[in-house]
Amino acid sequence: MCLKELPALPVGQEVSVVAFIMARSRRRLKQGGVMLTLFLSDETGFAEAIFYPAVYRRLLYCLKEKVIFLMGKTSEDGDSLIVHQALPLALLPKKQEKKTCALK
């Protein structure tokens, strides 16, 4: 799926995207956890990816990549993705890469 298609989807729709990580923002929560927001782009548009503390801790190893495969649900604001899984492109099977937008 391309990032430009996110706003047209219903809230809570499962999606998967491949995107460039343009910037990162970490925020410490009152409960002591850390929440991460990634600012993403692909050839079609921009979006945000939100990692809640438990997901952020579990996926920290792959968040150093510049291009990443993300799976999650669409958020209420329409241009964000609530992430539950992430993989570096090097670990992706070829079939999943073909379902996403082509990156140039």
Protein backbone atom coordinates (compact mmCIF):
# COMPACT_ATOMS: atom_id res chain seq x y z
CA MET A 1 0.00 0.00 0.00
CA CYS A 2 1.15 3.55 -0.70
CA LEU A 3 1.13 6.28 1.91
CA LYS A 4 -1.21 8.47 -0.13
CA GLU A 5 -3.91 5.80 0.29
CA LEU A 6 -3.94 5.93 4.12
CA PRO A 7 -6.43 8.82 4.58
CA ALA A 8 -9.05 7.06 2.43
CA LEU A 9 -9.08 3.92 4.62
CA PRO A 10 -11.44 3.34 7.55
CA VAL A 11 -10.10 3.70 11.10
CA GLY A 12 -8.54 0.47 12.34
CA GLN A 13 -7.90 -1.01 8.90
CA GLU A 14 -4.87 -3.35 8.83
CA VAL A 15 -2.24 -2.08 6.40
CA SER A 16 1.35 -2.73 5.42
CA VAL A 17 3.70 -0.18 3.88
CA VAL A 18 7.31 0.22 2.85
CA ALA A 19 8.62 3.73 3.45
CA PHE A 20 11.69 5.87 4.02
CA ILE A 21 12.21 7.10 7.58
CA MET A 22 12.64 10.88 7.29
CA ALA A 23 12.78 11.75 11.00
CA ARG A 24 12.18 10.31 14.47
CA SER A 25 10.71 11.74 17.64
CA ARG A 26 10.88 9.99 21.01
CA ARG A 27 8.71 11.05 23.91
CA ARG A 28 9.00 9.86 27.49
CA LEU A 29 5.61 9.14 29.02
CA LYS A 30 4.53 9.82 32.61
CA GLN A 31 4.31 6.05 33.20
CA GLY A 32 8.01 5.76 32.39
CA GLY A 33 7.83 4.25 28.92
CA VAL A 34 9.08 5.74 25.67
CA MET A 35 6.83 6.31 22.67
CA LEU A 36 8.30 6.73 19.19
CA THR A 37 6.91 8.58 16.19
CA LEU A 38 8.52 8.04 12.79
CA PHE A 39 7.92 10.52 10.01
CA LEU A 40 7.68 8.52 6.79
CA SER A 41 7.66 9.18 3.07
CA ASP A 42 7.39 7.19 -0.11
CA GLU A 43 7.10 8.30 -3.71
CA THR A 44 3.40 9.09 -3.20
CA GLY A 45 3.21 11.00 0.08
CA PHE A 46 3.94 11.35 3.79
CA ALA A 47 2.62 9.78 7.00
CA GLU A 48 3.48 9.16 10.65
CA ALA A 49 4.08 5.79 12.28
CA ILE A 50 3.38 5.57 16.01
CA PHE A 51 5.08 2.98 18.22
CA TYR A 52 3.63 2.60 21.71
CA PRO A 53 6.15 1.66 24.46
CA ALA A 54 5.77 -2.15 24.38
CA VAL A 55 6.01 -2.28 20.59
CA TYR A 56 8.90 0.20 20.56
CA ARG A 57 10.93 -1.95 23.00
CA ARG A 58 10.20 -5.12 21.01
CA LEU A 59 11.11 -3.62 17.61
CA LEU A 60 13.98 -1.35 18.61
CA TYR A 61 16.52 -3.54 16.78
CA CYS A 62 15.08 -2.80 13.33
CA LEU A 63 14.35 0.91 13.73
CA LYS A 64 17.88 1.94 12.78
CA GLU A 65 17.19 1.21 9.12
CA LYS A 66 16.42 4.03 6.66
CA VAL A 67 13.82 2.06 4.71
CA ILE A 68 11.45 -0.18 6.62
CA PHE A 69 8.42 -2.45 6.19
CA LEU A 70 5.65 -1.61 8.69
CA MET A 71 2.40 -3.34 9.58
CA GLY A 72 -0.29 -1.76 11.68
CA LYS A 73 -3.70 -0.13 11.81
CA THR A 74 -4.86 3.22 10.52
CA SER A 75 -5.49 5.88 13.15
CA GLU A 76 -8.36 8.30 13.61
CA ASP A 77 -6.50 11.27 12.11
CA GLY A 78 -6.15 9.41 8.79
CA ASP A 79 -2.47 9.99 8.07
CA SER A 80 -0.96 7.91 10.88
CA LEU A 81 -0.27 4.24 11.33
CA ILE A 82 -0.34 2.56 14.75
CA VAL A 83 2.45 0.03 14.29
CA HIS A 84 2.43 -3.52 15.65
CA GLN A 85 5.19 -5.06 13.48
CA ALA A 86 8.24 -3.78 11.61
CA LEU A 87 10.97 -5.47 9.59
CA PRO A 88 14.10 -4.26 7.80
CA LEU A 89 13.81 -4.79 4.05
CA ALA A 90 16.68 -7.28 4.12
CA LEU A 91 14.51 -9.70 6.13
CA LEU A 92 11.44 -9.45 3.89
CA PRO A 93 10.37 -12.34 1.69
CA LYS A 94 10.09 -11.22 -1.95
CA LYS A 95 6.30 -11.76 -2.10
CA GLN A 96 5.60 -9.07 0.53
CA GLU A 97 7.82 -6.52 -1.20
CA LYS A 98 5.78 -6.80 -4.41
CA LYS A 99 2.54 -5.85 -2.61
CA THR A 100 3.88 -2.43 -1.59
CA CYS A 101 4.74 0.69 -3.54
CA ALA A 102 7.90 0.56 -5.56
CA LEU A 103 10.65 2.73 -4.08
CA LYS A 104 13.05 4.49 -6.41
